[in-house]
Amino acid sequence: QVQLVESGGDLVQPGGSLKLSCAGSGFPFNKYDMRWYRQAPGKEREFVAWITPPGSSTFYVDSVKRRFTISRDNAKNTVYLHMNSLTLDDAAAYYCKAQVSVVDYWGQGTQVTVSS
């Protein structure tokens, strides 16, 4: 079955950096777009970044442009989110998502805490 497992969340100071990973299995990873979302306490889950199957195109929500980079390694069935210049507003649980055969699959999330 389709499975997504995020990792890399941690406590980081404002201005710091973090790299999140999402490992996929149970589907042909190299044929599907991959997306990152985040959800802060009391807020709705929001889209963060998107990458095409070969990794040649990416798209970001305005609030993370020029700070976050999404990438993927299809040989490892893994998508990454490189986060720089983190702010308090970036604190959230981060989730990866794959839409396989019109069904959305989510990982369990990884927590990013930004605090001094």
N, C-alpha and C. Protein backbone atom coordinates (compact mmCIF):
# COMPACT_ATOMS: atom_id res chain seq x y z
N GLN A 1 0.84 -1.19 0.00
CA GLN A 1 0.00 0.00 0.00
C GLN A 1 0.88 1.25 0.00
N VAL A 2 0.27 2.35 -0.38
CA VAL A 2 1.02 3.60 -0.41
C VAL A 2 1.37 4.03 1.01
N GLN A 3 2.62 4.39 1.19
CA GLN A 3 3.06 4.86 2.50
C GLN A 3 4.02 6.02 2.32
N LEU A 4 3.85 7.04 3.15
CA LEU A 4 4.72 8.21 3.16
C LEU A 4 5.20 8.42 4.59
N VAL A 5 6.50 8.57 4.76
CA VAL A 5 7.06 8.73 6.09
C VAL A 5 7.97 9.95 6.11
N GLU A 6 7.55 10.97 6.87
CA GLU A 6 8.34 12.19 7.01
C GLU A 6 9.33 12.06 8.17
N SER A 7 10.40 12.82 8.07
CA SER A 7 11.38 12.89 9.14
C SER A 7 12.16 14.20 9.02
N GLY A 8 12.90 14.52 10.06
CA GLY A 8 13.76 15.70 10.03
C GLY A 8 13.28 16.87 10.86
N GLY A 9 12.07 16.82 11.36
CA GLY A 9 11.59 17.92 12.18
C GLY A 9 12.40 18.05 13.46
N ASP A 10 12.50 19.30 13.94
CA ASP A 10 13.34 19.54 15.12
C ASP A 10 13.04 20.92 15.68
N LEU A 11 13.67 21.22 16.79
CA LEU A 11 13.62 22.56 17.37
C LEU A 11 14.77 23.37 16.78
N VAL A 12 14.46 24.55 16.26
CA VAL A 12 15.47 25.38 15.64
C VAL A 12 15.24 26.83 16.03
N GLN A 13 16.31 27.60 16.10
CA GLN A 13 16.19 29.02 16.44
C GLN A 13 15.75 29.82 15.22
N PRO A 14 15.12 30.97 15.44
CA PRO A 14 14.79 31.84 14.31
C PRO A 14 16.04 32.15 13.49
N GLY A 15 15.89 32.11 12.17
CA GLY A 15 17.03 32.31 11.28
C GLY A 15 17.76 31.04 10.94
N GLY A 16 17.41 29.96 11.59
CA GLY A 16 18.09 28.69 11.36
C GLY A 16 17.58 27.96 10.14
N SER A 17 18.15 26.78 9.92
CA SER A 17 17.82 25.95 8.76
C SER A 17 17.48 24.54 9.19
N LEU A 18 16.73 23.87 8.33
CA LEU A 18 16.32 22.50 8.61
C LEU A 18 16.04 21.82 7.28
N LYS A 19 16.27 20.52 7.23
CA LYS A 19 15.96 19.75 6.03
C LYS A 19 15.02 18.62 6.40
N LEU A 20 13.85 18.63 5.78
CA LEU A 20 12.87 17.57 5.98
C LEU A 20 12.95 16.55 4.86
N SER A 21 12.62 15.31 5.19
CA SER A 21 12.60 14.24 4.20
C SER A 21 11.25 13.53 4.24
N CYS A 22 10.86 13.00 3.10
CA CYS A 22 9.63 12.20 3.01
C CYS A 22 9.92 11.01 2.11
N ALA A 23 9.90 9.82 2.68
CA ALA A 23 10.17 8.60 1.92
C ALA A 23 8.86 7.96 1.51
N GLY A 24 8.74 7.67 0.22
CA GLY A 24 7.53 7.05 -0.29
C GLY A 24 7.74 5.59 -0.66
N SER A 25 6.68 4.80 -0.55
CA SER A 25 6.72 3.40 -0.94
C SER A 25 5.33 2.94 -1.34
N GLY A 26 5.28 1.83 -2.09
CA GLY A 26 3.99 1.27 -2.47
C GLY A 26 3.38 1.86 -3.74
N PHE A 27 4.12 2.74 -4.40
CA PHE A 27 3.65 3.32 -5.66
C PHE A 27 4.88 3.74 -6.47
N PRO A 28 4.71 3.95 -7.78
CA PRO A 28 5.85 4.36 -8.62
C PRO A 28 6.19 5.82 -8.37
N PHE A 29 7.04 6.03 -7.41
CA PHE A 29 7.35 7.36 -6.89
C PHE A 29 7.75 8.32 -8.01
N ASN A 30 8.53 7.84 -8.98
CA ASN A 30 9.08 8.73 -10.01
C ASN A 30 8.03 9.17 -11.04
N LYS A 31 6.80 8.75 -10.89
CA LYS A 31 5.76 9.13 -11.84
C LYS A 31 4.76 10.15 -11.27
N TYR A 32 4.96 10.56 -10.02
CA TYR A 32 3.95 11.39 -9.37
C TYR A 32 4.54 12.69 -8.82
N ASP A 33 3.71 13.77 -8.97
CA ASP A 33 4.02 15.00 -8.26
C ASP A 33 4.09 14.71 -6.77
N MET A 34 4.87 15.47 -6.07
CA MET A 34 4.92 15.39 -4.62
C MET A 34 4.74 16.80 -4.06
N ARG A 35 4.06 16.85 -2.92
CA ARG A 35 3.76 18.16 -2.31
C ARG A 35 4.08 18.13 -0.82
N TRP A 36 4.44 19.31 -0.32
CA TRP A 36 4.59 19.52 1.12
C TRP A 36 3.49 20.49 1.58
N TYR A 37 2.93 20.18 2.74
CA TYR A 37 1.95 21.03 3.40
C TYR A 37 2.41 21.23 4.84
N ARG A 38 1.79 22.20 5.50
CA ARG A 38 2.06 22.38 6.94
C ARG A 38 0.79 22.81 7.65
N GLN A 39 0.76 22.53 8.94
CA GLN A 39 -0.39 22.91 9.75
C GLN A 39 0.08 23.35 11.12
N ALA A 40 -0.20 24.61 11.42
CA ALA A 40 0.12 25.16 12.74
C ALA A 40 -1.09 24.97 13.65
N PRO A 41 -0.87 24.95 14.96
CA PRO A 41 -1.99 24.78 15.90
C PRO A 41 -3.08 25.83 15.68
N GLY A 42 -4.32 25.38 15.58
CA GLY A 42 -5.44 26.29 15.41
C GLY A 42 -5.62 26.83 14.01
N LYS A 43 -4.80 26.38 13.08
CA LYS A 43 -4.89 26.86 11.70
C LYS A 43 -5.17 25.71 10.74
N GLU A 44 -5.65 26.07 9.56
CA GLU A 44 -5.89 25.05 8.55
C GLU A 44 -4.57 24.60 7.92
N ARG A 45 -4.60 23.40 7.41
CA ARG A 45 -3.42 22.90 6.70
C ARG A 45 -3.24 23.72 5.42
N GLU A 46 -2.00 24.14 5.16
CA GLU A 46 -1.75 24.97 3.99
C GLU A 46 -0.68 24.35 3.10
N PHE A 47 -0.85 24.59 1.81
CA PHE A 47 0.14 24.15 0.83
C PHE A 47 1.44 24.92 1.01
N VAL A 48 2.57 24.23 0.83
CA VAL A 48 3.88 24.86 0.96
C VAL A 48 4.65 24.81 -0.36
N ALA A 49 4.78 23.59 -0.92
CA ALA A 49 5.62 23.45 -2.11
C ALA A 49 5.21 22.21 -2.89
N TRP A 50 5.57 22.23 -4.20
CA TRP A 50 5.17 21.17 -5.13
C TRP A 50 6.31 20.93 -6.10
N ILE A 51 6.50 19.66 -6.49
CA ILE A 51 7.55 19.33 -7.43
C ILE A 51 7.03 18.28 -8.41
N THR A 52 7.40 18.44 -9.68
CA THR A 52 6.97 17.49 -10.71
C THR A 52 7.76 16.18 -10.62
N PRO A 53 7.28 15.14 -11.29
CA PRO A 53 7.94 13.83 -11.19
C PRO A 53 9.44 13.85 -11.50
N PRO A 54 9.89 14.51 -12.58
CA PRO A 54 11.34 14.50 -12.81
C PRO A 54 12.09 15.52 -11.96
N GLY A 55 11.36 16.38 -11.26
CA GLY A 55 11.98 17.41 -10.44
C GLY A 55 12.37 18.66 -11.21
N SER A 56 11.90 18.78 -12.43
CA SER A 56 12.30 19.90 -13.28
C SER A 56 11.51 21.17 -13.00
N SER A 57 10.34 21.04 -12.37
CA SER A 57 9.52 22.21 -12.06
C SER A 57 9.10 22.17 -10.61
N THR A 58 9.08 23.37 -10.01
CA THR A 58 8.68 23.49 -8.62
C THR A 58 7.76 24.71 -8.47
N PHE A 59 7.01 24.73 -7.38
CA PHE A 59 6.12 25.85 -7.10
C PHE A 59 6.03 26.00 -5.60
N TYR A 60 5.95 27.28 -5.14
CA TYR A 60 5.95 27.55 -3.70
C TYR A 60 4.86 28.56 -3.34
N VAL A 61 4.36 28.43 -2.14
CA VAL A 61 3.52 29.49 -1.60
C VAL A 61 4.39 30.72 -1.41
N ASP A 62 3.81 31.90 -1.57
CA ASP A 62 4.61 33.13 -1.54
C ASP A 62 5.42 33.29 -0.25
N SER A 63 4.87 32.85 0.86
CA SER A 63 5.52 33.10 2.15
C SER A 63 6.84 32.35 2.32
N VAL A 64 7.11 31.34 1.48
CA VAL A 64 8.35 30.59 1.64
C VAL A 64 9.30 30.74 0.45
N LYS A 65 8.86 31.47 -0.56
CA LYS A 65 9.71 31.65 -1.74
C LYS A 65 11.05 32.26 -1.35
N ARG A 66 12.11 31.79 -1.98
CA ARG A 66 13.49 32.23 -1.76
C ARG A 66 14.03 31.82 -0.38
N ARG A 67 13.23 31.08 0.41
CA ARG A 67 13.74 30.55 1.68
C ARG A 67 13.71 29.02 1.69
N PHE A 68 12.68 28.43 1.06
CA PHE A 68 12.52 26.97 1.05
C PHE A 68 12.82 26.45 -0.34
N THR A 69 13.34 25.24 -0.40
CA THR A 69 13.59 24.56 -1.67
C THR A 69 13.10 23.13 -1.58
N ILE A 70 12.25 22.74 -2.52
CA ILE A 70 11.80 21.36 -2.60
C ILE A 70 12.65 20.65 -3.64
N SER A 71 13.04 19.42 -3.34
CA SER A 71 13.82 18.63 -4.28
C SER A 71 13.43 17.17 -4.10
N ARG A 72 13.90 16.32 -4.99
CA ARG A 72 13.59 14.91 -4.88
C ARG A 72 14.73 14.07 -5.41
N ASP A 73 14.82 12.85 -4.87
CA ASP A 73 15.77 11.86 -5.36
C ASP A 73 14.95 10.63 -5.70
N ASN A 74 14.63 10.45 -6.96
CA ASN A 74 13.77 9.34 -7.36
C ASN A 74 14.43 7.99 -7.15
N ALA A 75 15.74 7.96 -7.15
CA ALA A 75 16.44 6.70 -6.89
C ALA A 75 16.23 6.25 -5.45
N LYS A 76 15.96 7.21 -4.57
CA LYS A 76 15.73 6.89 -3.15
C LYS A 76 14.26 7.01 -2.78
N ASN A 77 13.39 7.31 -3.76
CA ASN A 77 11.96 7.48 -3.48
C ASN A 77 11.73 8.50 -2.36
N THR A 78 12.45 9.59 -2.42
CA THR A 78 12.41 10.57 -1.33
C THR A 78 12.30 11.99 -1.87
N VAL A 79 11.44 12.75 -1.23
CA VAL A 79 11.32 14.18 -1.52
C VAL A 79 11.80 14.94 -0.28
N TYR A 80 12.43 16.09 -0.53
CA TYR A 80 13.02 16.88 0.54
C TYR A 80 12.42 18.28 0.57
N LEU A 81 12.52 18.89 1.73
CA LEU A 81 12.19 20.31 1.85
C LEU A 81 13.32 20.96 2.65
N HIS A 82 14.10 21.77 1.94
CA HIS A 82 15.20 22.49 2.56
C HIS A 82 14.65 23.85 3.01
N MET A 83 14.76 24.14 4.28
CA MET A 83 14.17 25.36 4.84
C MET A 83 15.27 26.23 5.44
N ASN A 84 15.37 27.45 4.97
CA ASN A 84 16.35 28.41 5.46
C ASN A 84 15.64 29.64 6.04
N SER A 85 16.37 30.40 6.82
CA SER A 85 15.84 31.65 7.40
C SER A 85 14.49 31.43 8.07
N LEU A 86 14.41 30.41 8.88
CA LEU A 86 13.14 30.06 9.52
C LEU A 86 12.67 31.16 10.47
N THR A 87 11.37 31.36 10.47
CA THR A 87 10.75 32.34 11.36
C THR A 87 9.74 31.64 12.26
N LEU A 88 9.23 32.39 13.24
CA LEU A 88 8.24 31.83 14.15
C LEU A 88 7.01 31.36 13.37
N ASP A 89 6.71 32.03 12.27
CA ASP A 89 5.53 31.66 11.47
C ASP A 89 5.71 30.34 10.73
N ASP A 90 6.92 29.83 10.66
CA ASP A 90 7.15 28.55 9.99
C ASP A 90 6.93 27.36 10.92
N ALA A 91 6.75 27.60 12.20
CA ALA A 91 6.53 26.51 13.14
C ALA A 91 5.21 25.81 12.84
N ALA A 92 5.28 24.50 12.64
CA ALA A 92 4.09 23.74 12.27
C ALA A 92 4.46 22.27 12.17
N ALA A 93 3.43 21.44 12.01
CA ALA A 93 3.65 20.06 11.60
C ALA A 93 3.68 20.05 10.08
N TYR A 94 4.70 19.42 9.52
CA TYR A 94 4.88 19.40 8.07
C TYR A 94 4.54 18.00 7.54
N TYR A 95 3.76 17.99 6.47
CA TYR A 95 3.27 16.75 5.89
C TYR A 95 3.62 16.69 4.39
N CYS A 96 3.94 15.51 3.91
CA CYS A 96 4.05 15.34 2.47
C CYS A 96 2.80 14.63 1.97
N LYS A 97 2.51 14.86 0.70
CA LYS A 97 1.31 14.29 0.09
C LYS A 97 1.59 13.81 -1.31
N ALA A 98 0.99 12.67 -1.64
CA ALA A 98 1.01 12.17 -3.01
C ALA A 98 -0.43 11.87 -3.40
N GLN A 99 -0.78 12.22 -4.63
CA GLN A 99 -2.10 11.87 -5.14
C GLN A 99 -1.91 10.74 -6.14
N VAL A 100 -2.35 9.55 -5.76
CA VAL A 100 -2.16 8.35 -6.58
C VAL A 100 -3.53 7.83 -6.96
N SER A 101 -3.79 7.79 -8.26
CA SER A 101 -5.09 7.31 -8.75
C SER A 101 -6.23 8.07 -8.07
N VAL A 102 -6.14 9.37 -8.09
CA VAL A 102 -7.11 10.35 -7.55
C VAL A 102 -7.31 10.24 -6.05
N VAL A 103 -6.53 9.45 -5.37
CA VAL A 103 -6.62 9.36 -3.91
C VAL A 103 -5.45 10.10 -3.29
N ASP A 104 -5.72 10.94 -2.31
CA ASP A 104 -4.66 11.66 -1.59
C ASP A 104 -4.11 10.80 -0.46
N TYR A 105 -2.80 10.68 -0.44
CA TYR A 105 -2.11 9.96 0.64
C TYR A 105 -1.22 10.94 1.38
N TRP A 106 -1.27 10.85 2.70
CA TRP A 106 -0.52 11.74 3.57
C TRP A 106 0.40 10.94 4.48
N GLY A 107 1.52 11.55 4.83
CA GLY A 107 2.36 10.98 5.86
C GLY A 107 1.82 11.37 7.23
N GLN A 108 2.53 10.94 8.26
CA GLN A 108 2.08 11.20 9.64
C GLN A 108 2.52 12.57 10.13
N GLY A 109 3.40 13.22 9.39
CA GLY A 109 3.86 14.55 9.74
C GLY A 109 5.13 14.54 10.56
N THR A 110 5.85 15.66 10.50
CA THR A 110 7.04 15.85 11.31
C THR A 110 7.00 17.28 11.85
N GLN A 111 7.31 17.44 13.13
CA GLN A 111 7.10 18.71 13.81
C GLN A 111 8.33 19.62 13.69
N VAL A 112 8.07 20.84 13.26
CA VAL A 112 9.10 21.87 13.22
C VAL A 112 8.75 22.93 14.26
N THR A 113 9.63 23.12 15.22
CA THR A 113 9.44 24.11 16.27
C THR A 113 10.50 25.19 16.10
N VAL A 114 10.06 26.44 16.06
CA VAL A 114 10.98 27.57 15.91
C VAL A 114 10.88 28.41 17.18
N SER A 115 11.98 28.46 17.91
CA SER A 115 11.95 29.18 19.18
C SER A 115 13.36 29.58 19.57
N SER A 116 13.46 30.74 20.22
CA SER A 116 14.76 31.16 20.71
C SER A 116 14.96 30.73 22.16
